[in-house]
N, C-alpha and C. Protein backbone atom coordinates (compact mmCIF):
# COMPACT_ATOMS: atom_id res chain seq x y z
N MET A 1 -40.86 5.95 -221.29
CA MET A 1 -40.50 5.12 -222.30
C MET A 1 -39.11 4.00 -221.73
N LYS A 2 -39.29 2.91 -222.22
CA LYS A 2 -38.45 2.23 -221.53
C LYS A 2 -37.87 1.24 -222.79
N PHE A 3 -36.23 1.47 -222.23
CA PHE A 3 -35.66 1.00 -223.12
C PHE A 3 -34.95 -0.33 -222.94
N LYS A 4 -34.97 -1.00 -224.17
CA LYS A 4 -34.53 -2.69 -223.98
C LYS A 4 -33.11 -3.10 -224.55
N ILE A 5 -32.15 -3.36 -223.80
CA ILE A 5 -31.27 -4.05 -224.06
C ILE A 5 -30.86 -5.05 -224.96
N LYS A 6 -30.26 -5.06 -225.99
CA LYS A 6 -30.36 -6.26 -226.84
C LYS A 6 -29.63 -6.78 -227.17
N LYS A 7 -28.42 -6.43 -226.75
CA LYS A 7 -27.21 -8.01 -226.65
C LYS A 7 -26.55 -6.79 -224.56
N LYS A 8 -25.74 -7.85 -224.63
CA LYS A 8 -24.78 -7.72 -223.97
C LYS A 8 -23.35 -7.31 -223.93
N PRO A 9 -23.20 -6.01 -223.34
CA PRO A 9 -21.86 -5.34 -223.10
C PRO A 9 -21.44 -6.28 -223.33
N GLN A 10 -20.14 -5.77 -224.36
CA GLN A 10 -18.78 -6.48 -224.67
C GLN A 10 -17.41 -5.94 -223.87
N VAL A 11 -17.09 -7.08 -223.42
CA VAL A 11 -15.78 -6.52 -222.38
C VAL A 11 -14.59 -5.96 -223.65
N VAL A 12 -14.41 -4.96 -222.98
CA VAL A 12 -13.00 -4.04 -223.98
C VAL A 12 -11.76 -5.02 -223.92
N PRO A 13 -11.21 -5.34 -225.10
CA PRO A 13 -10.34 -5.94 -225.19
C PRO A 13 -8.87 -6.28 -224.15
N GLY A 14 -8.03 -6.78 -223.45
CA GLY A 14 -7.15 -6.35 -222.72
C GLY A 14 -7.90 -6.63 -221.75
N GLN A 15 -9.12 -6.33 -221.39
CA GLN A 15 -9.90 -6.41 -219.75
C GLN A 15 -10.44 -7.65 -219.33
N GLU A 16 -10.54 -8.36 -219.72
CA GLU A 16 -11.15 -9.86 -219.55
C GLU A 16 -10.26 -9.93 -218.32
N ASP A 17 -9.62 -10.39 -218.04
CA ASP A 17 -9.36 -10.67 -216.47
C ASP A 17 -9.84 -9.81 -215.17
N LYS A 18 -10.00 -8.10 -215.65
CA LYS A 18 -10.31 -6.90 -214.86
C LYS A 18 -11.68 -7.35 -214.60
N HIS A 19 -12.59 -7.96 -215.71
CA HIS A 19 -13.85 -7.92 -215.71
C HIS A 19 -14.09 -9.20 -215.09
N LYS A 20 -13.34 -10.04 -215.24
CA LYS A 20 -13.83 -11.25 -214.86
C LYS A 20 -13.67 -11.32 -212.59
N GLN A 21 -12.71 -10.83 -212.59
CA GLN A 21 -12.05 -9.55 -211.04
C GLN A 21 -13.31 -9.41 -210.53
N VAL A 22 -13.89 -8.22 -211.01
CA VAL A 22 -15.16 -7.43 -210.77
C VAL A 22 -16.39 -8.33 -210.37
N GLN A 23 -16.52 -9.33 -211.85
CA GLN A 23 -17.97 -10.18 -211.66
C GLN A 23 -17.94 -10.90 -210.62
N GLU A 24 -16.32 -12.00 -210.09
CA GLU A 24 -16.65 -12.53 -208.84
C GLU A 24 -16.07 -11.84 -207.40
N THR A 25 -16.07 -10.71 -207.66
CA THR A 25 -16.43 -10.05 -206.51
C THR A 25 -18.19 -9.64 -206.12
N TYR A 26 -18.34 -9.04 -207.21
CA TYR A 26 -19.98 -8.64 -207.15
C TYR A 26 -20.85 -10.16 -206.57
N ASN A 27 -20.28 -11.32 -207.33
CA ASN A 27 -21.45 -12.92 -206.74
C ASN A 27 -20.16 -12.95 -205.67
N GLU A 28 -19.51 -12.94 -205.09
CA GLU A 28 -19.21 -12.74 -203.60
C GLU A 28 -20.42 -11.53 -202.42
N LEU A 29 -20.15 -10.50 -202.93
CA LEU A 29 -21.03 -9.76 -202.06
C LEU A 29 -22.51 -10.31 -202.50
N ILE A 30 -22.79 -10.54 -203.02
CA ILE A 30 -24.69 -11.03 -203.84
C ILE A 30 -24.69 -12.19 -202.93
N LYS A 31 -23.74 -12.75 -202.53
CA LYS A 31 -23.87 -14.58 -202.12
C LYS A 31 -23.66 -13.99 -200.26
N HIS A 32 -22.57 -12.98 -199.79
CA HIS A 32 -22.28 -12.56 -198.83
C HIS A 32 -23.92 -12.54 -198.23
N SER A 33 -24.28 -11.41 -198.91
CA SER A 33 -25.83 -10.45 -198.77
C SER A 33 -26.81 -11.13 -198.73
N ASN A 34 -26.88 -12.38 -199.53
CA ASN A 34 -27.76 -13.37 -199.44
C ASN A 34 -27.85 -14.39 -198.14
N GLN A 35 -26.40 -14.60 -197.62
CA GLN A 35 -26.61 -15.00 -196.12
C GLN A 35 -26.72 -14.59 -195.14
N GLN A 36 -26.79 -12.86 -195.15
CA GLN A 36 -26.67 -12.27 -193.87
C GLN A 36 -28.67 -11.97 -193.68
N LEU A 37 -28.72 -12.28 -194.93
CA LEU A 37 -30.76 -11.65 -194.80
C LEU A 37 -31.35 -13.24 -194.31
N PHE A 38 -30.50 -14.46 -194.61
CA PHE A 38 -30.71 -15.45 -194.31
C PHE A 38 -30.61 -15.87 -192.77
N ASN A 39 -29.93 -15.27 -192.33
CA ASN A 39 -29.33 -15.53 -191.10
C ASN A 39 -30.58 -14.58 -189.89
N LYS A 40 -30.42 -13.62 -190.63
CA LYS A 40 -31.33 -12.70 -190.00
C LYS A 40 -33.05 -12.88 -189.76
N LEU A 41 -33.52 -13.25 -191.18
CA LEU A 41 -34.30 -14.46 -191.36
C LEU A 41 -34.74 -15.44 -190.06
N HIS A 42 -33.72 -16.57 -190.17
CA HIS A 42 -33.37 -17.82 -189.31
C HIS A 42 -33.59 -16.65 -187.62
N ARG A 43 -32.67 -15.83 -187.54
CA ARG A 43 -32.82 -15.58 -186.40
C ARG A 43 -33.87 -15.33 -185.45
N SER A 44 -34.85 -14.32 -186.72
CA SER A 44 -36.02 -14.09 -186.00
C SER A 44 -37.23 -14.81 -185.86
N LEU A 45 -37.48 -15.76 -186.94
CA LEU A 45 -38.22 -16.66 -186.56
C LEU A 45 -37.52 -17.82 -185.38
N LYS A 46 -36.14 -17.96 -185.21
CA LYS A 46 -36.20 -18.79 -184.03
C LYS A 46 -36.80 -17.99 -182.43
N GLU A 47 -36.49 -16.73 -182.72
CA GLU A 47 -36.98 -15.64 -181.72
C GLU A 47 -38.58 -16.22 -181.15
N GLU A 48 -39.43 -15.89 -182.75
CA GLU A 48 -40.88 -16.12 -182.30
C GLU A 48 -40.96 -17.51 -182.07
N GLU A 49 -40.79 -18.45 -182.05
CA GLU A 49 -40.89 -19.98 -182.00
C GLU A 49 -40.82 -19.78 -180.51
N GLU A 50 -39.51 -19.60 -180.24
CA GLU A 50 -39.41 -19.42 -178.33
C GLU A 50 -39.97 -18.74 -177.78
N SER A 51 -40.75 -17.75 -178.00
CA SER A 51 -42.15 -16.72 -177.54
C SER A 51 -42.78 -17.62 -177.31
N ARG A 52 -43.55 -18.14 -178.64
CA ARG A 52 -44.69 -18.77 -178.61
C ARG A 52 -44.64 -20.21 -177.67
N LEU A 53 -43.92 -20.45 -177.50
CA LEU A 53 -43.18 -22.16 -177.29
C LEU A 53 -43.56 -21.53 -175.53
N ALA A 54 -42.59 -20.46 -175.11
CA ALA A 54 -42.99 -19.84 -173.93
C ALA A 54 -44.30 -19.07 -173.21
N ALA A 55 -45.04 -18.75 -174.34
CA ALA A 55 -46.15 -18.49 -174.19
C ALA A 55 -47.83 -20.04 -173.73
N LEU A 56 -46.81 -20.93 -174.40
CA LEU A 56 -47.80 -22.04 -174.26
C LEU A 56 -47.62 -22.87 -173.03
N ARG A 57 -46.31 -22.78 -172.61
CA ARG A 57 -45.49 -23.40 -171.56
C ARG A 57 -46.28 -22.89 -170.32
N GLU A 58 -46.35 -21.43 -170.50
CA GLU A 58 -47.23 -20.48 -169.27
C GLU A 58 -49.20 -20.69 -169.12
N GLU A 59 -49.31 -20.87 -170.61
CA GLU A 59 -50.77 -21.46 -170.37
C GLU A 59 -50.90 -22.84 -170.30
N GLU A 60 -50.12 -23.44 -170.29
CA GLU A 60 -50.23 -24.76 -169.78
C GLU A 60 -50.04 -24.77 -168.65
N LYS A 61 -49.02 -23.93 -167.76
CA LYS A 61 -48.96 -23.74 -166.33
C LYS A 61 -50.52 -23.08 -165.53
N GLN A 62 -50.82 -22.28 -166.26
CA GLN A 62 -52.12 -21.54 -165.43
C GLN A 62 -53.16 -22.54 -165.67
N LYS A 63 -53.62 -23.42 -166.98
CA LYS A 63 -53.88 -24.54 -167.21
C LYS A 63 -54.07 -25.57 -165.99
N GLY A 64 -53.22 -25.94 -165.64
CA GLY A 64 -53.09 -26.79 -164.62
C GLY A 64 -53.39 -26.50 -162.98
N LYS A 65 -53.11 -25.14 -162.92
CA LYS A 65 -53.29 -24.45 -161.46
C LYS A 65 -54.77 -24.60 -161.36
N ARG A 66 -55.73 -24.58 -162.11
CA ARG A 66 -56.72 -24.43 -162.43
C ARG A 66 -57.55 -25.24 -161.83
N LEU A 67 -57.18 -26.41 -162.94
CA LEU A 67 -57.41 -27.94 -162.87
C LEU A 67 -57.38 -28.23 -161.14
N SER A 68 -55.87 -28.04 -160.70
CA SER A 68 -56.05 -28.33 -159.38
C SER A 68 -56.95 -27.50 -158.60
N ALA A 69 -57.14 -26.54 -158.86
CA ALA A 69 -57.74 -25.60 -157.95
C ALA A 69 -59.30 -26.15 -157.46
N GLU A 70 -59.61 -26.87 -158.92
CA GLU A 70 -60.87 -27.50 -158.86
C GLU A 70 -61.43 -28.79 -158.04
N ARG A 71 -60.51 -29.22 -158.12
CA ARG A 71 -60.30 -30.86 -157.89
C ARG A 71 -61.03 -30.62 -155.84
């Protein structure tokens, strides 16, 4: 059985500043986590691109050698 929250939890009176600080810290952690994830993905895609370009260069080099040998 699923329970649904009907309204947002209320901040205890006198704890607004603490709540705001915790919320800001949480938002910073999420932002940092997302940035790390983006950087990891970007690095992975860059490595894949470099690998594919190297393979393509090698293929072109081999093709050039074959064409030279046929002449």
